PDB file of N, CA and C in Angstrom:
ATOM      1  N   MET A   1      19.118  20.170 -29.866  1.00  0.00           N
ATOM      2  CA  MET A   1      20.142  20.294 -28.930  1.00  0.00           C
ATOM      3  C   MET A   1      20.542  18.902 -28.431  1.00  0.00           C
ATOM      4  N   LYS A   2      21.774  18.668 -28.172  1.00  0.00           N
ATOM      5  CA  LYS A   2      22.307  17.102 -27.901  1.00  0.00           C
ATOM      6  C   LYS A   2      22.825  16.673 -26.818  1.00  0.00           C
ATOM      7  N   CYS A   3      22.500  15.881 -26.486  1.00  0.00           N
ATOM      8  CA  CYS A   3      22.676  15.371 -25.144  1.00  0.00           C
ATOM      9  C   CYS A   3      24.606  15.466 -24.210  1.00  0.00           C
ATOM     10  N   TYR A   4      25.012  16.390 -23.550  1.00  0.00           N
ATOM     11  CA  TYR A   4      26.035  16.607 -23.017  1.00  0.00           C
ATOM     12  C   TYR A   4      26.588  14.763 -22.649  1.00  0.00           C
ATOM     13  N   HIS A   5      25.759  14.109 -22.508  1.00  0.00           N
ATOM     14  CA  HIS A   5      26.798  13.011 -22.082  1.00  0.00           C
ATOM     15  C   HIS A   5      26.481  11.667 -22.791  1.00  0.00           C
ATOM     16  N   CYS A   6      25.288  11.477 -23.995  1.00  0.00           N
ATOM     17  CA  CYS A   6      25.546  10.386 -25.105  1.00  0.00           C
ATOM     18  C   CYS A   6      25.183  11.081 -26.416  1.00  0.00           C
ATOM     19  N   ALA A   7      25.486  12.052 -27.057  1.00  0.00           N
ATOM     20  CA  ALA A   7      25.133  13.154 -27.823  1.00  0.00           C
ATOM     21  C   ALA A   7      24.556  12.864 -29.056  1.00  0.00           C
ATOM     22  N   VAL A   8      23.346  12.588 -27.829  1.00  0.00           N
ATOM     23  CA  VAL A   8      22.351  11.751 -28.950  1.00  0.00           C
ATOM     24  C   VAL A   8      21.103  13.199 -28.531  1.00  0.00           C
ATOM     25  N   GLU A   9      20.246  13.225 -30.163  1.00  0.00           N
ATOM     26  CA  GLU A   9      19.648  14.662 -29.815  1.00  0.00           C
ATOM     27  C   GLU A   9      18.200  14.407 -28.898  1.00  0.00           C
ATOM     28  N   ALA A  10      18.150  15.343 -28.240  1.00  0.00           N
ATOM     29  CA  ALA A  10      17.007  15.801 -26.985  1.00  0.00           C
ATOM     30  C   ALA A  10      16.202  15.811 -27.514  1.00  0.00           C
ATOM     31  N   ASP A  11      14.709  15.356 -27.248  1.00  0.00           N
ATOM     32  CA  ASP A  11      13.384  15.622 -27.407  1.00  0.00           C
ATOM     33  C   ASP A  11      13.066  17.034 -26.361  1.00  0.00           C
ATOM     34  N   ALA A  12      12.236  17.696 -27.397  1.00  0.00           N
ATOM     35  CA  ALA A  12      11.910  18.942 -26.435  1.00  0.00           C
ATOM     36  C   ALA A  12      10.662  18.546 -25.795  1.00  0.00           C
ATOM     37  N   LYS A  13      10.574  18.511 -24.227  1.00  0.00           N
ATOM     38  CA  LYS A  13       9.470  18.424 -23.658  1.00  0.00           C
ATOM     39  C   LYS A  13       9.339  19.627 -22.469  1.00  0.00           C
ATOM     40  N   LYS A  14       8.184  19.240 -21.584  1.00  0.00           N
ATOM     41  CA  LYS A  14       7.981  19.999 -20.639  1.00  0.00           C
ATOM     42  C   LYS A  14       8.395  19.383 -19.271  1.00  0.00           C
ATOM     43  N   THR A  15       9.286  19.509 -18.333  1.00  0.00           N
ATOM     44  CA  THR A  15       9.441  18.944 -17.405  1.00  0.00           C
ATOM     45  C   THR A  15       9.155  20.121 -15.903  1.00  0.00           C
ATOM     46  N   ASN A  16       9.041  19.391 -14.546  1.00  0.00           N
ATOM     47  CA  ASN A  16       9.221  20.194 -13.413  1.00  0.00           C
ATOM     48  C   ASN A  16      10.919  20.182 -13.606  1.00  0.00           C
ATOM     49  N   HIS A  17      10.748  21.247 -12.249  1.00  0.00           N
ATOM     50  CA  HIS A  17      12.415  21.590 -11.839  1.00  0.00           C
ATOM     51  C   HIS A  17      12.199  21.419 -10.199  1.00  0.00           C
ATOM     52  N   ILE A  18      13.188  20.671  -9.735  1.00  0.00           N
ATOM     53  CA  ILE A  18      12.852  20.598  -8.219  1.00  0.00           C
ATOM     54  C   ILE A  18      14.128  21.289  -7.300  1.00  0.00           C
ATOM     55  N   VAL A  19      13.715  21.960  -6.587  1.00  0.00           N
ATOM     56  CA  VAL A  19      15.218  22.546  -5.788  1.00  0.00           C
ATOM     57  C   VAL A  19      15.093  22.029  -4.539  1.00  0.00           C
ATOM     58  N   ASP A  20      15.425  21.053  -3.741  1.00  0.00           N
ATOM     59  CA  ASP A  20      15.578  21.066  -2.600  1.00  0.00           C
ATOM     60  C   ASP A  20      16.331  21.564  -1.397  1.00  0.00           C
ATOM     61  N   MET A  21      15.768  22.658  -0.747  1.00  0.00           N
ATOM     62  CA  MET A  21      17.410  23.656  -0.253  1.00  0.00           C
ATOM     63  C   MET A  21      17.187  23.609   1.481  1.00  0.00           C
ATOM     64  N   ASP A  22      17.798  23.385   2.300  1.00  0.00           N
ATOM     65  CA  ASP A  22      17.761  23.498   3.610  1.00  0.00           C
ATOM     66  C   ASP A  22      16.438  22.998   4.422  1.00  0.00           C
ATOM     67  N   ASP A  23      15.758  24.341   4.058  1.00  0.00           N
ATOM     68  CA  ASP A  23      14.376  24.769   4.845  1.00  0.00           C
ATOM     69  C   ASP A  23      13.312  24.835   3.872  1.00  0.00           C
ATOM     70  N   CYS A  24      13.511  24.752   2.754  1.00  0.00           N
ATOM     71  CA  CYS A  24      12.361  24.393   1.562  1.00  0.00           C
ATOM     72  C   CYS A  24      12.785  23.812   0.598  1.00  0.00           C
ATOM     73  N   ILE A  25      11.588  23.407   0.011  1.00  0.00           N
ATOM     74  CA  ILE A  25      11.071  22.977  -1.578  1.00  0.00           C
ATOM     75  C   ILE A  25      10.875  23.661  -2.441  1.00  0.00           C
ATOM     76  N   ILE A  26      11.505  23.925  -3.322  1.00  0.00           N
ATOM     77  CA  ILE A  26      10.734  24.919  -4.594  1.00  0.00           C
ATOM     78  C   ILE A  26      10.361  23.852  -5.915  1.00  0.00           C
ATOM     79  N   ILE A  27       9.317  24.288  -6.581  1.00  0.00           N
ATOM     80  CA  ILE A  27       9.030  23.305  -7.729  1.00  0.00           C
ATOM     81  C   ILE A  27       8.615  24.096  -8.916  1.00  0.00           C
ATOM     82  N   VAL A  28       8.694  24.024  -9.860  1.00  0.00           N
ATOM     83  CA  VAL A  28       8.753  25.086 -11.063  1.00  0.00           C
ATOM     84  C   VAL A  28       8.072  24.208 -12.407  1.00  0.00           C
ATOM     85  N   ARG A  29       7.274  24.243 -12.323  1.00  0.00           N
ATOM     86  CA  ARG A  29       6.182  23.245 -13.028  1.00  0.00           C
ATOM     87  C   ARG A  29       6.128  23.568 -14.268  1.00  0.00           C
ATOM     88  N   GLN A  30       6.518  22.853 -15.351  1.00  0.00           N
ATOM     89  CA  GLN A  30       6.183  22.879 -16.809  1.00  0.00           C
ATOM     90  C   GLN A  30       7.607  23.711 -17.730  1.00  0.00           C
ATOM     91  N   VAL A  31       8.407  23.497 -17.184  1.00  0.00           N
ATOM     92  CA  VAL A  31       9.820  24.083 -17.692  1.00  0.00           C
ATOM     93  C   VAL A  31       9.715  23.521 -19.387  1.00  0.00           C
ATOM     94  N   PRO A  32       9.703  24.645 -20.254  1.00  0.00           N
ATOM     95  CA  PRO A  32      10.272  23.528 -21.207  1.00  0.00           C
ATOM     96  C   PRO A  32      12.133  23.487 -21.573  1.00  0.00           C
ATOM     97  N   SER A  33      12.300  21.869 -22.016  1.00  0.00           N
ATOM     98  CA  SER A  33      13.274  21.577 -21.152  1.00  0.00           C
ATOM     99  C   SER A  33      13.760  20.596 -22.954  1.00  0.00           C
ATOM    100  N   TYR A  34      14.640  19.920 -22.554  1.00  0.00           N
ATOM    101  CA  TYR A  34      15.275  18.892 -23.786  1.00  0.00           C
ATOM    102  C   TYR A  34      15.312  17.880 -22.739  1.00  0.00           C
ATOM    103  N   VAL A  35      15.186  16.635 -23.273  1.00  0.00           N
ATOM    104  CA  VAL A  35      14.958  15.211 -23.122  1.00  0.00           C
ATOM    105  C   VAL A  35      15.843  14.411 -23.153  1.00  0.00           C
ATOM    106  N   CYS A  36      17.386  13.890 -22.885  1.00  0.00           N
ATOM    107  CA  CYS A  36      17.919  12.628 -24.251  1.00  0.00           C
ATOM    108  C   CYS A  36      16.807  11.321 -24.078  1.00  0.00           C
ATOM    109  N   PRO A  37      16.671  10.900 -25.497  1.00  0.00           N
ATOM    110  CA  PRO A  37      15.547   9.750 -24.787  1.00  0.00           C
ATOM    111  C   PRO A  37      16.505   8.444 -24.776  1.00  0.00           C
ATOM    112  N   GLN A  38      17.822   8.847 -24.384  1.00  0.00           N
ATOM    113  CA  GLN A  38      19.129   7.499 -23.997  1.00  0.00           C
ATOM    114  C   GLN A  38      18.610   7.495 -22.687  1.00  0.00           C
ATOM    115  N   CYS A  39      19.416   8.707 -22.228  1.00  0.00           N
ATOM    116  CA  CYS A  39      19.970   8.692 -20.431  1.00  0.00           C
ATOM    117  C   CYS A  39      18.870   9.284 -19.957  1.00  0.00           C
ATOM    118  N   GLY A  40      17.690   9.847 -20.325  1.00  0.00           N
ATOM    119  CA  GLY A  40      16.840  10.802 -19.269  1.00  0.00           C
ATOM    120  C   GLY A  40      17.416  12.467 -18.791  1.00  0.00           C
ATOM    121  N   GLU A  41      18.510  12.427 -19.413  1.00  0.00           N
ATOM    122  CA  GLU A  41      19.400  13.834 -18.755  1.00  0.00           C
ATOM    123  C   GLU A  41      18.425  15.349 -19.325  1.00  0.00           C
ATOM    124  N   VAL A  42      18.067  16.084 -18.528  1.00  0.00           N
ATOM    125  CA  VAL A  42      17.262  17.623 -18.563  1.00  0.00           C
ATOM    126  C   VAL A  42      18.510  18.102 -18.699  1.00  0.00           C
ATOM    127  N   MET A  43      18.046  19.089 -19.934  1.00  0.00           N
ATOM    128  CA  MET A  43      19.010  20.171 -20.279  1.00  0.00           C
ATOM    129  C   MET A  43      18.095  21.673 -20.677  1.00  0.00           C
ATOM    130  N   TYR A  44      18.472  22.908 -20.136  1.00  0.00           N
ATOM    131  CA  TYR A  44      17.180  23.995 -20.408  1.00  0.00           C
ATOM    132  C   TYR A  44      18.593  24.847 -21.297  1.00  0.00           C
ATOM    133  N   THR A  45      18.112  25.757 -22.022  1.00  0.00           N
ATOM    134  CA  THR A  45      18.362  26.657 -22.942  1.00  0.00           C
ATOM    135  C   THR A  45      18.966  27.701 -21.578  1.00  0.00           C
ATOM    136  N   VAL A  46      19.862  28.381 -21.768  1.00  0.00           N
ATOM    137  CA  VAL A  46      20.663  29.158 -21.092  1.00  0.00           C
ATOM    138  C   VAL A  46      19.466  30.138 -20.679  1.00  0.00           C
ATOM    139  N   SER A  47      19.086  30.773 -21.710  1.00  0.00           N
ATOM    140  CA  SER A  47      17.502  31.994 -21.232  1.00  0.00           C
ATOM    141  C   SER A  47      16.699  31.092 -19.977  1.00  0.00           C
ATOM    142  N   VAL A  48      16.463  29.864 -20.053  1.00  0.00           N
ATOM    143  CA  VAL A  48      15.282  29.041 -19.730  1.00  0.00           C
ATOM    144  C   VAL A  48      15.856  29.095 -18.188  1.00  0.00           C
ATOM    145  N   ALA A  49      16.842  28.765 -17.685  1.00  0.00           N
ATOM    146  CA  ALA A  49      17.907  28.783 -16.588  1.00  0.00           C
ATOM    147  C   ALA A  49      18.124  29.459 -16.141  1.00  0.00           C
ATOM    148  N   LYS A  50      18.339  30.806 -16.569  1.00  0.00           N
ATOM    149  CA  LYS A  50      18.500  32.359 -16.201  1.00  0.00           C
ATOM    150  C   LYS A  50      16.717  32.591 -15.616  1.00  0.00           C
ATOM    151  N   GLN A  51      15.814  31.878 -16.102  1.00  0.00           N
ATOM    152  CA  GLN A  51      14.447  31.858 -15.812  1.00  0.00           C
ATOM    153  C   GLN A  51      14.658  31.873 -13.871  1.00  0.00           C
ATOM    154  N   ILE A  52      14.773  30.222 -14.742  1.00  0.00           N
ATOM    155  CA  ILE A  52      14.686  29.470 -12.932  1.00  0.00           C
ATOM    156  C   ILE A  52      15.159  29.756 -11.791  1.00  0.00           C
ATOM    157  N   GLU A  53      16.463  30.094 -12.039  1.00  0.00           N
ATOM    158  CA  GLU A  53      17.515  30.655 -11.068  1.00  0.00           C
ATOM    159  C   GLU A  53      16.602  32.008  -9.995  1.00  0.00           C
ATOM    160  N   GLN A  54      16.098  33.169 -11.699  1.00  0.00           N
ATOM    161  CA  GLN A  54      15.651  34.284 -10.736  1.00  0.00           C
ATOM    162  C   GLN A  54      14.146  34.030 -10.468  1.00  0.00           C
ATOM    163  N   TYR A  55      13.157  32.989 -10.531  1.00  0.00           N
ATOM    164  CA  TYR A  55      12.123  32.223 -10.037  1.00  0.00           C
ATOM    165  C   TYR A  55      12.791  31.402  -8.167  1.00  0.00           C
ATOM    166  N   VAL A  56      13.757  30.902  -8.156  1.00  0.00           N
ATOM    167  CA  VAL A  56      13.852  29.800  -7.076  1.00  0.00           C
ATOM    168  C   VAL A  56      14.604  31.107  -6.236  1.00  0.00           C
ATOM    169  N   GLU A  57      15.207  32.467  -6.646  1.00  0.00           N
ATOM    170  CA  GLU A  57      16.029  33.161  -5.708  1.00  0.00           C
ATOM    171  C   GLU A  57      14.713  34.189  -5.166  1.00  0.00           C
ATOM    172  N   ALA A  58      13.875  34.210  -5.683  1.00  0.00           N
ATOM    173  CA  ALA A  58      12.274  35.224  -5.667  1.00  0.00           C
ATOM    174  C   ALA A  58      11.450  34.625  -4.246  1.00  0.00           C
ATOM    175  N   ALA A  59      11.413  32.821  -5.142  1.00  0.00           N
ATOM    176  CA  ALA A  59      10.891  32.116  -3.573  1.00  0.00           C
ATOM    177  C   ALA A  59      11.589  31.823  -2.404  1.00  0.00           C
ATOM    178  N   LYS A  60      12.887  31.805  -2.409  1.00  0.00           N
ATOM    179  CA  LYS A  60      13.469  31.550  -1.237  1.00  0.00           C
ATOM    180  C   LYS A  60      13.394  32.466  -0.124  1.00  0.00           C
ATOM    181  N   SER A  61      12.951  33.881  -0.684  1.00  0.00           N
ATOM    182  CA  SER A  61      12.871  34.723   0.208  1.00  0.00           C
ATOM    183  C   SER A  61      11.559  34.842   0.495  1.00  0.00           C
ATOM    184  N   ALA A  62       9.988  34.402  -0.369  1.00  0.00           N
ATOM    185  CA  ALA A  62       9.303  34.418  -0.022  1.00  0.00           C
ATOM    186  C   ALA A  62       8.061  33.178   0.800  1.00  0.00           C
ATOM    187  N   MET A  63       9.335  32.889   0.620  1.00  0.00           N
ATOM    188  CA  MET A  63       8.557  30.910   1.470  1.00  0.00           C
ATOM    189  C   MET A  63       8.985  30.330   2.619  1.00  0.00           C
ATOM    190  N   SER A  64       7.999  29.608   3.152  1.00  0.00           N
ATOM    191  CA  SER A  64       8.661  28.903   4.204  1.00  0.00           C
ATOM    192  C   SER A  64       9.065  27.452   3.859  1.00  0.00           C
ATOM    193  N   ASP A  65       7.950  26.404   3.977  1.00  0.00           N
ATOM    194  CA  ASP A  65       8.300  24.782   3.609  1.00  0.00           C
ATOM    195  C   ASP A  65       8.886  24.604   1.930  1.00  0.00           C
ATOM    196  N   LEU A  66       7.245  24.740   1.493  1.00  0.00           N
ATOM    197  CA  LEU A  66       7.053  24.404   0.320  1.00  0.00           C
ATOM    198  C   LEU A  66       6.417  25.765  -1.023  1.00  0.00           C
ATOM    199  N   SER A  67       6.782  25.773  -1.941  1.00  0.00           N
ATOM    200  CA  SER A  67       6.180  26.795  -3.272  1.00  0.00           C
ATOM    201  C   SER A  67       6.411  25.807  -4.216  1.00  0.00           C
ATOM    202  N   VAL A  68       5.036  26.120  -5.325  1.00  0.00           N
ATOM    203  CA  VAL A  68       5.255  25.607  -6.772  1.00  0.00           C
ATOM    204  C   VAL A  68       4.895  26.682  -7.083  1.00  0.00           C
ATOM    205  N   ILE A  69       5.824  26.649  -8.297  1.00  0.00           N
ATOM    206  CA  ILE A  69       5.929  27.521  -9.328  1.00  0.00           C
ATOM    207  C   ILE A  69       5.127  27.260 -11.029  1.00  0.00           C
ATOM    208  N   ASN A  70       4.614  28.185 -11.467  1.00  0.00           N
ATOM    209  CA  ASN A  70       3.814  27.695 -12.731  1.00  0.00           C
ATOM    210  C   ASN A  70       4.898  28.318 -13.314  1.00  0.00           C
ATOM    211  N   TYR A  71       5.918  27.544 -14.673  1.00  0.00           N
ATOM    212  CA  TYR A  71       6.513  28.536 -15.114  1.00  0.00           C
ATOM    213  C   TYR A  71       5.883  28.931 -16.448  1.00  0.00           C
ATOM    214  N   GLN A  72       5.103  28.709 -16.873  1.00  0.00           N
ATOM    215  CA  GLN A  72       4.573  29.574 -18.195  1.00  0.00           C
ATOM    216  C   GLN A  72       3.716  31.142 -17.781  1.00  0.00           C
ATOM    217  N   ASN A  73       2.864  30.647 -16.348  1.00  0.00           N
ATOM    218  CA  ASN A  73       1.931  31.944 -15.679  1.00  0.00           C
ATOM    219  C   ASN A  73       3.079  32.845 -15.761  1.00  0.00           C
ATOM    220  N   LEU A  74       4.364  32.813 -15.193  1.00  0.00           N
ATOM    221  CA  LEU A  74       5.312  33.557 -15.163  1.00  0.00           C
ATOM    222  C   LEU A  74       6.108  34.476 -16.423  1.00  0.00           C
ATOM    223  N   ILE A  75       5.920  33.717 -17.337  1.00  0.00           N
ATOM    224  CA  ILE A  75       6.404  34.131 -18.564  1.00  0.00           C
ATOM    225  C   ILE A  75       5.894  35.108 -19.232  1.00  0.00           C
ATOM    226  N   ALA A  76       4.815  35.324 -18.659  1.00  0.00           N
ATOM    227  CA  ALA A  76       3.529  35.940 -19.517  1.00  0.00           C
ATOM    228  C   ALA A  76       3.251  37.260 -19.110  1.00  0.00           C
TER     229      ALA A  76
END
């Protein structure tokens, strides 16, 4: 996958995705990502982005202040 900003080939890595909402913070750990070695931009495939969106929606309804989700545990 190439960086949207630099057009440099991104490296496959695992990153943490943090969502800061009005009443809570949701952290999804160990997310398969592509990271640009030049600018640091983090990118996801369409399927990973959809999974993250589903996790965040589920966590929003079940939490109060902070939720930490491990991506690998949820896809198994």
